[in-house]
Amino acid sequence: MRSYLDFEKPVADLEGKVQELRALAAQGESVDVGDEIGKLEAKAAAALLDVYAKLTPWQKTLVARHPDRPHAIDYIAHLVTEFTPLAGDRGFGEDAAIVAGLGRFRGTPVAVLGQEKGNDTQSRIKHNFGMARPEGYRKAVRVMELADRFGLPVIALVDTAGAYPGIDAEERGQAEAIARSTQACLALGVPNVAVVIGEGGSGGAIALATANRVIMLEHSVYSVISPEGAASILWRDAARAPDAATNMKITADDLVRLGVVDEIVKEPVGGAHRAPAAVIAAVGDAIERALGSYAGQDAAAVRQARRAKFLAIGRGL
């Protein structure tokens, strides 16, 4: 069964009626429902188009969090062959919130880092809802250093509400681990590309997304804090999250205009979860273009390009 967001109710009602008629037809009912199904499908498509033509930043946040949205492991499974996962930070332990490893992206050897939220109760608990602890970021640093040593481009798939804020994470140096991961991104002599596939939350995201090229899916979001967190701080009322989302400029369109993000990958009407294979392929094309733009550049040029990109953010506004 497809999951619907609250603002998608008109679409849910129409598509629900279509499913009911299909069930009647499957049971061998003598009534011809083909024409009615066609009319309802056309109405549902029009309603979906109308809803998604005027999404607010808060509604885009909800789409970015949709439980059926493709996750990092889906992108890795479809875009990376011969993937070999690497585990552990060689200091404390393994953190499943970040999936890391080596493989081939369209024939090119690469290192891959992905924040994985999980797609059911068991996997969400295993991956801690995509919120990494310090050992996750230290694992990322280990893999980035390995990639730099062997000249492998780095692909990062960003999807997290933020770094895990628990006491145990703070005791093990969460802030320092995030800073070291960000530093490792900046120090890479190989090109790195980050794709915000869902939520890009706070330092938990920037620790992997300090890249030569930052790409966002159309309905993903990227911000220094969640809208709920910002509303709680500014107005002491998390219910004002929609206001915070609007004022924080967290959408892909806003961030391209501000120079924070380099490219937007379009999503089908209704979000990436309605056509995951097409979206994953489009993301693969965007990654290939981004990596291709750095072909032949030496380490110094790659580092300088990355440095210039981040120093230019906010200038001229």
Protein backbone atom coordinates (compact mmCIF):
# COMPACT_ATOMS: atom_id res chain seq x y z
CA MET A 1 0.00 0.00 0.00
CA ARG A 2 1.22 3.48 -0.89
CA SER A 3 1.74 5.92 1.98
CA TYR A 4 0.18 9.36 1.63
CA LEU A 5 1.06 12.61 3.31
CA ASP A 6 -1.68 14.73 4.89
CA PHE A 7 -1.73 17.29 2.09
CA GLU A 8 -2.10 14.49 -0.47
CA LYS A 9 -5.57 13.52 0.77
CA PRO A 10 -7.40 14.52 -2.46
CA VAL A 11 -5.05 12.25 -4.40
CA ALA A 12 -5.36 9.46 -1.84
CA ASP A 13 -9.17 9.50 -2.11
CA LEU A 14 -9.15 9.26 -5.90
CA GLU A 15 -6.44 6.60 -6.07
CA GLY A 16 -8.27 4.67 -3.34
CA LYS A 17 -11.40 4.58 -5.50
CA VAL A 18 -9.32 3.34 -8.44
CA GLN A 19 -8.00 0.48 -6.31
CA GLU A 20 -11.52 -0.42 -5.21
CA LEU A 21 -12.72 -0.60 -8.81
CA ARG A 22 -9.70 -2.68 -9.81
CA ALA A 23 -10.48 -5.07 -6.96
CA LEU A 24 -14.06 -5.40 -8.20
CA ALA A 25 -12.83 -6.12 -11.72
CA ALA A 26 -10.39 -8.72 -10.39
CA GLN A 27 -13.24 -10.50 -8.60
CA GLY A 28 -14.99 -11.02 -11.94
CA GLU A 29 -17.82 -8.53 -11.46
CA SER A 30 -19.90 -8.21 -14.62
CA VAL A 31 -19.96 -4.39 -14.46
CA ASP A 32 -17.57 -2.73 -16.92
CA VAL A 33 -15.45 -0.36 -14.85
CA GLY A 34 -12.74 0.36 -17.40
CA ASP A 35 -14.04 3.77 -18.41
CA GLU A 36 -14.62 4.82 -14.80
CA ILE A 37 -11.11 3.74 -13.82
CA GLY A 38 -9.67 5.79 -16.67
CA LYS A 39 -11.60 8.89 -15.61
CA LEU A 40 -10.57 8.51 -11.98
CA GLU A 41 -6.92 7.97 -12.92
CA ALA A 42 -6.98 11.16 -14.99
CA LYS A 43 -8.52 13.06 -12.07
CA ALA A 44 -5.95 11.63 -9.66
CA ALA A 45 -3.07 12.61 -11.97
CA ALA A 46 -4.47 16.14 -12.30
CA ALA A 47 -4.93 16.42 -8.53
CA LEU A 48 -1.36 15.23 -7.92
CA LEU A 49 -0.01 17.72 -10.44
CA ASP A 50 -2.00 20.52 -8.81
CA VAL A 51 -0.76 19.64 -5.31
CA TYR A 52 2.90 19.36 -6.31
CA ALA A 53 2.85 22.53 -8.39
CA LYS A 54 2.48 24.64 -5.25
CA LEU A 55 4.35 22.81 -2.49
CA THR A 56 5.37 24.93 0.47
CA PRO A 57 8.84 24.50 2.03
CA TRP A 58 7.21 22.61 4.92
CA GLN A 59 5.42 20.25 2.54
CA LYS A 60 8.73 19.66 0.74
CA THR A 61 10.22 18.76 4.11
CA LEU A 62 7.51 16.13 4.56
CA VAL A 63 8.17 14.76 1.07
CA ALA A 64 11.90 14.59 1.85
CA ARG A 65 11.02 12.47 4.91
CA HIS A 66 8.58 10.19 3.08
CA PRO A 67 9.11 6.62 4.33
CA ASP A 68 8.99 5.17 0.81
CA ARG A 69 11.60 7.51 -0.61
CA PRO A 70 14.69 5.71 -2.04
CA HIS A 71 17.44 5.43 0.55
CA ALA A 72 21.22 5.32 0.31
CA ILE A 73 21.30 1.53 0.07
CA ASP A 74 18.93 1.70 -2.91
CA TYR A 75 21.21 4.12 -4.75
CA ILE A 76 24.25 2.00 -3.95
CA ALA A 77 22.51 -1.19 -5.10
CA HIS A 78 21.56 0.32 -8.48
CA LEU A 79 24.54 2.59 -9.20
CA VAL A 80 27.56 0.86 -7.65
CA THR A 81 28.77 -2.55 -8.79
CA GLU A 82 31.21 -4.78 -6.91
CA PHE A 83 30.40 -2.82 -3.74
CA THR A 84 32.51 -3.93 -0.80
CA PRO A 85 31.35 -2.49 2.54
CA LEU A 86 33.94 -1.32 5.06
CA ALA A 87 33.06 -1.27 8.74
CA GLY A 88 34.41 0.29 11.90
CA ASP A 89 36.42 3.36 12.78
CA ARG A 90 39.42 1.37 14.11
CA GLY A 91 38.95 3.22 17.39
CA PHE A 92 35.64 2.37 19.02
CA GLY A 93 33.33 0.34 16.81
CA GLU A 94 30.91 0.15 13.91
CA ASP A 95 28.10 2.62 13.22
CA ALA A 96 25.46 1.40 10.78
CA ALA A 97 24.01 4.90 10.35
CA ILE A 98 26.73 5.46 7.74
CA VAL A 99 27.21 2.85 5.04
CA ALA A 100 30.70 3.04 3.56
CA GLY A 101 32.71 1.06 1.09
CA LEU A 102 34.45 0.71 -2.26
CA GLY A 103 33.00 -0.22 -5.62
CA ARG A 104 32.63 0.79 -9.24
CA PHE A 105 30.37 3.59 -10.41
CA ARG A 106 29.69 3.06 -14.11
CA GLY A 107 33.03 1.37 -14.44
CA THR A 108 35.03 3.89 -12.40
CA PRO A 109 36.46 2.76 -9.03
CA VAL A 110 35.03 4.96 -6.27
CA ALA A 111 34.56 5.24 -2.52
CA VAL A 112 30.97 5.60 -1.34
CA LEU A 113 29.55 7.07 1.86
CA GLY A 114 25.82 6.93 2.53
CA GLN A 115 23.64 7.92 5.45
CA GLU A 116 21.01 5.23 5.81
CA LYS A 117 17.74 5.71 7.73
CA GLY A 118 16.27 2.25 7.23
CA ASN A 119 12.88 1.38 5.76
CA ASP A 120 11.13 -0.62 8.49
CA THR A 121 11.20 -0.76 12.27
CA GLN A 122 14.04 -3.26 12.50
CA SER A 123 16.30 -1.56 9.96
CA ARG A 124 15.56 1.92 11.35
CA ILE A 125 16.70 0.80 14.78
CA LYS A 126 19.78 -0.88 13.26
CA HIS A 127 20.74 2.30 11.36
CA ASN A 128 19.65 4.61 14.20
CA PHE A 129 17.34 6.47 11.78
CA GLY A 130 20.38 7.74 9.87
CA MET A 131 21.75 9.69 12.84
CA ALA A 132 25.43 8.84 13.15
CA ARG A 133 27.52 8.70 16.29
CA PRO A 134 31.21 9.78 16.35
CA GLU A 135 32.41 6.37 15.20
CA GLY A 136 30.29 6.78 12.06
CA TYR A 137 32.04 10.01 11.12
CA ARG A 138 35.43 8.55 12.02
CA LYS A 139 34.66 5.62 9.74
CA ALA A 140 33.87 8.14 7.00
CA VAL A 141 37.22 9.83 7.58
CA ARG A 142 38.98 6.47 7.37
CA VAL A 143 37.33 5.69 4.05
CA MET A 144 38.02 9.18 2.65
CA GLU A 145 41.70 8.88 3.56
CA LEU A 146 41.78 5.48 1.89
CA ALA A 147 40.17 6.94 -1.22
CA ASP A 148 42.68 9.79 -1.30
CA ARG A 149 45.57 7.38 -0.99
CA PHE A 150 44.42 5.31 -3.97
CA GLY A 151 43.04 8.15 -6.11
CA LEU A 152 39.38 7.15 -5.87
CA PRO A 153 36.65 9.79 -6.27
CA VAL A 154 34.24 9.97 -3.33
CA ILE A 155 30.45 9.87 -3.63
CA ALA A 156 28.39 10.84 -0.58
CA LEU A 157 24.65 10.20 -0.28
CA VAL A 158 23.24 12.53 2.36
CA ASP A 159 20.03 11.72 4.22
CA THR A 160 19.93 12.51 7.92
CA ALA A 161 17.94 14.59 10.35
CA GLY A 162 21.30 15.36 12.00
CA ALA A 163 24.06 13.74 14.00
CA TYR A 164 22.90 11.66 16.97
CA PRO A 165 22.56 14.00 20.00
CA GLY A 166 22.70 11.35 22.74
CA ILE A 167 24.91 11.49 25.82
CA ASP A 168 27.06 8.57 24.64
CA ALA A 169 27.80 10.38 21.37
CA GLU A 170 28.76 13.55 23.21
CA GLU A 171 31.01 11.57 25.57
CA ARG A 172 32.89 10.16 22.59
CA GLY A 173 33.45 13.57 20.97
CA GLN A 174 30.60 14.12 18.53
CA ALA A 175 31.47 17.72 17.67
CA GLU A 176 35.14 16.90 17.12
CA ALA A 177 34.26 13.91 14.93
CA ILE A 178 32.00 16.06 12.74
CA ALA A 179 34.71 18.71 12.44
CA ARG A 180 37.32 16.11 11.50
CA SER A 181 35.03 14.64 8.85
CA THR A 182 34.40 18.10 7.38
CA GLN A 183 38.15 18.73 7.42
CA ALA A 184 38.76 15.41 5.65
CA CYS A 185 36.32 16.42 2.89
CA LEU A 186 38.17 19.70 2.38
CA ALA A 187 41.56 17.98 2.34
CA LEU A 188 40.71 15.43 -0.35
CA GLY A 189 42.92 15.57 -3.41
CA VAL A 190 40.34 13.58 -5.36
CA PRO A 191 36.98 15.02 -6.46
CA ASN A 192 34.02 14.39 -4.18
CA VAL A 193 30.34 14.71 -5.01
CA ALA A 194 27.56 14.88 -2.44
CA VAL A 195 23.90 14.26 -3.22
CA VAL A 196 21.19 15.28 -0.75
CA ILE A 197 18.64 12.54 -1.42
CA GLY A 198 16.29 13.35 1.47
CA GLU A 199 17.11 15.42 4.51
CA GLY A 200 20.38 17.28 4.84
CA GLY A 201 20.36 18.09 8.52
CA SER A 202 22.90 20.30 10.28
CA GLY A 203 26.50 19.26 10.92
CA GLY A 204 25.47 15.65 10.49
CA ALA A 205 25.02 16.40 6.79
CA ILE A 206 27.83 18.90 6.18
CA ALA A 207 30.32 16.35 7.58
CA LEU A 208 29.87 14.41 4.33
CA ALA A 209 28.57 17.15 2.03
CA THR A 210 31.58 19.48 1.97
CA ALA A 211 32.15 18.51 -1.62
CA ASN A 212 33.37 19.82 -4.97
CA ARG A 213 29.81 19.45 -6.24
CA VAL A 214 26.68 19.40 -4.11
CA ILE A 215 23.55 18.07 -5.79
CA MET A 216 20.02 18.03 -4.38
CA LEU A 217 16.91 16.20 -5.37
CA GLU A 218 14.07 18.58 -6.17
CA HIS A 219 12.06 17.80 -3.03
CA SER A 220 14.95 17.28 -0.62
CA VAL A 221 15.84 19.84 2.05
CA TYR A 222 19.16 21.05 3.46
CA SER A 223 19.44 23.21 6.57
CA VAL A 224 21.43 24.04 9.69
CA ILE A 225 18.60 22.79 11.91
CA SER A 226 15.24 21.10 11.46
CA PRO A 227 12.20 23.36 11.07
CA GLU A 228 10.82 21.95 14.34
CA GLY A 229 14.08 22.71 16.14
CA ALA A 230 14.22 26.25 14.77
CA ALA A 231 10.58 26.88 15.75
CA SER A 232 11.24 25.63 19.28
CA ILE A 233 14.17 28.01 19.65
CA LEU A 234 12.68 31.08 17.97
CA TRP A 235 9.06 30.87 19.14
CA ARG A 236 9.18 28.11 21.78
CA ASP A 237 6.52 26.37 19.74
CA ALA A 238 7.37 23.40 17.47
CA ALA A 239 3.94 23.77 15.86
CA ARG A 240 5.33 26.79 13.99
CA ALA A 241 7.68 24.53 12.02
CA PRO A 242 5.95 25.49 8.72
CA ASP A 243 6.83 29.15 9.40
CA ALA A 244 10.42 28.23 10.19
CA ALA A 245 10.71 26.12 7.03
CA THR A 246 9.59 29.06 4.91
CA ASN A 247 11.98 31.53 6.49
CA MET A 248 15.03 29.26 6.63
CA LYS A 249 15.37 28.87 2.83
CA ILE A 250 15.88 25.11 2.96
CA THR A 251 14.60 24.04 -0.46
CA ALA A 252 16.72 23.13 -3.47
CA ASP A 253 15.58 26.20 -5.42
CA ASP A 254 16.54 28.53 -2.56
CA LEU A 255 19.93 26.89 -2.05
CA VAL A 256 20.89 26.97 -5.73
CA ARG A 257 20.05 30.68 -5.77
CA LEU A 258 22.23 31.21 -2.68
CA GLY A 259 25.13 29.27 -4.19
CA VAL A 260 25.10 26.52 -1.56
CA VAL A 261 24.00 23.83 -4.03
CA ASP A 262 25.23 23.36 -7.59
CA GLU A 263 22.53 21.31 -9.30
CA ILE A 264 18.97 20.08 -8.83
CA VAL A 265 17.81 16.66 -10.00
CA LYS A 266 14.14 16.80 -10.94
CA GLU A 267 11.72 14.36 -9.35
CA PRO A 268 8.58 12.89 -10.89
CA VAL A 269 5.28 14.49 -9.91
CA GLY A 270 4.51 13.08 -6.48
CA GLY A 271 8.11 12.66 -5.38
CA ALA A 272 11.00 10.24 -5.87
CA HIS A 273 9.11 7.38 -4.22
CA ARG A 274 6.65 7.23 -7.15
CA ALA A 275 9.37 6.40 -9.70
CA PRO A 276 12.50 5.39 -7.75
CA ALA A 277 14.30 3.71 -10.65
CA ALA A 278 14.05 6.81 -12.84
CA VAL A 279 15.22 9.08 -10.03
CA ILE A 280 18.18 6.86 -9.16
CA ALA A 281 19.22 6.80 -12.83
CA ALA A 282 18.95 10.60 -13.04
CA VAL A 283 21.09 10.96 -9.92
CA GLY A 284 23.65 8.63 -11.50
CA ASP A 285 23.76 10.84 -14.59
CA ALA A 286 24.29 13.95 -12.41
CA ILE A 287 27.11 12.26 -10.49
CA GLU A 288 28.76 11.17 -13.74
CA ARG A 289 28.64 14.73 -15.11
CA ALA A 290 30.05 16.13 -11.87
CA LEU A 291 32.95 13.69 -11.71
CA GLY A 292 33.63 14.17 -15.41
CA SER A 293 34.09 17.91 -14.93
CA TYR A 294 37.19 17.20 -12.80
CA ALA A 295 38.78 14.67 -15.16
CA GLY A 296 42.48 15.31 -15.61
CA GLN A 297 42.80 17.81 -12.75
CA ASP A 298 45.56 17.26 -10.23
CA ALA A 299 45.07 17.19 -6.45
CA ALA A 300 45.97 20.84 -5.95
CA ALA A 301 43.43 21.98 -8.56
CA VAL A 302 40.69 19.83 -7.04
CA ARG A 303 41.34 21.20 -3.55
CA GLN A 304 41.48 24.78 -4.83
CA ALA A 305 38.19 24.39 -6.71
CA ARG A 306 36.50 23.06 -3.57
CA ARG A 307 37.95 25.84 -1.43
CA ALA A 308 36.85 28.51 -3.90
CA LYS A 309 33.34 27.07 -4.04
CA PHE A 310 32.80 27.36 -0.29
CA LEU A 311 34.47 30.74 0.06
CA ALA A 312 32.14 32.10 -2.64
CA ILE A 313 28.94 31.13 -0.82
CA GLY A 314 27.02 34.22 0.22
CA ARG A 315 29.10 36.70 -1.74
CA GLY A 316 27.32 39.07 -4.04
CA LEU A 317 23.91 38.61 -2.41
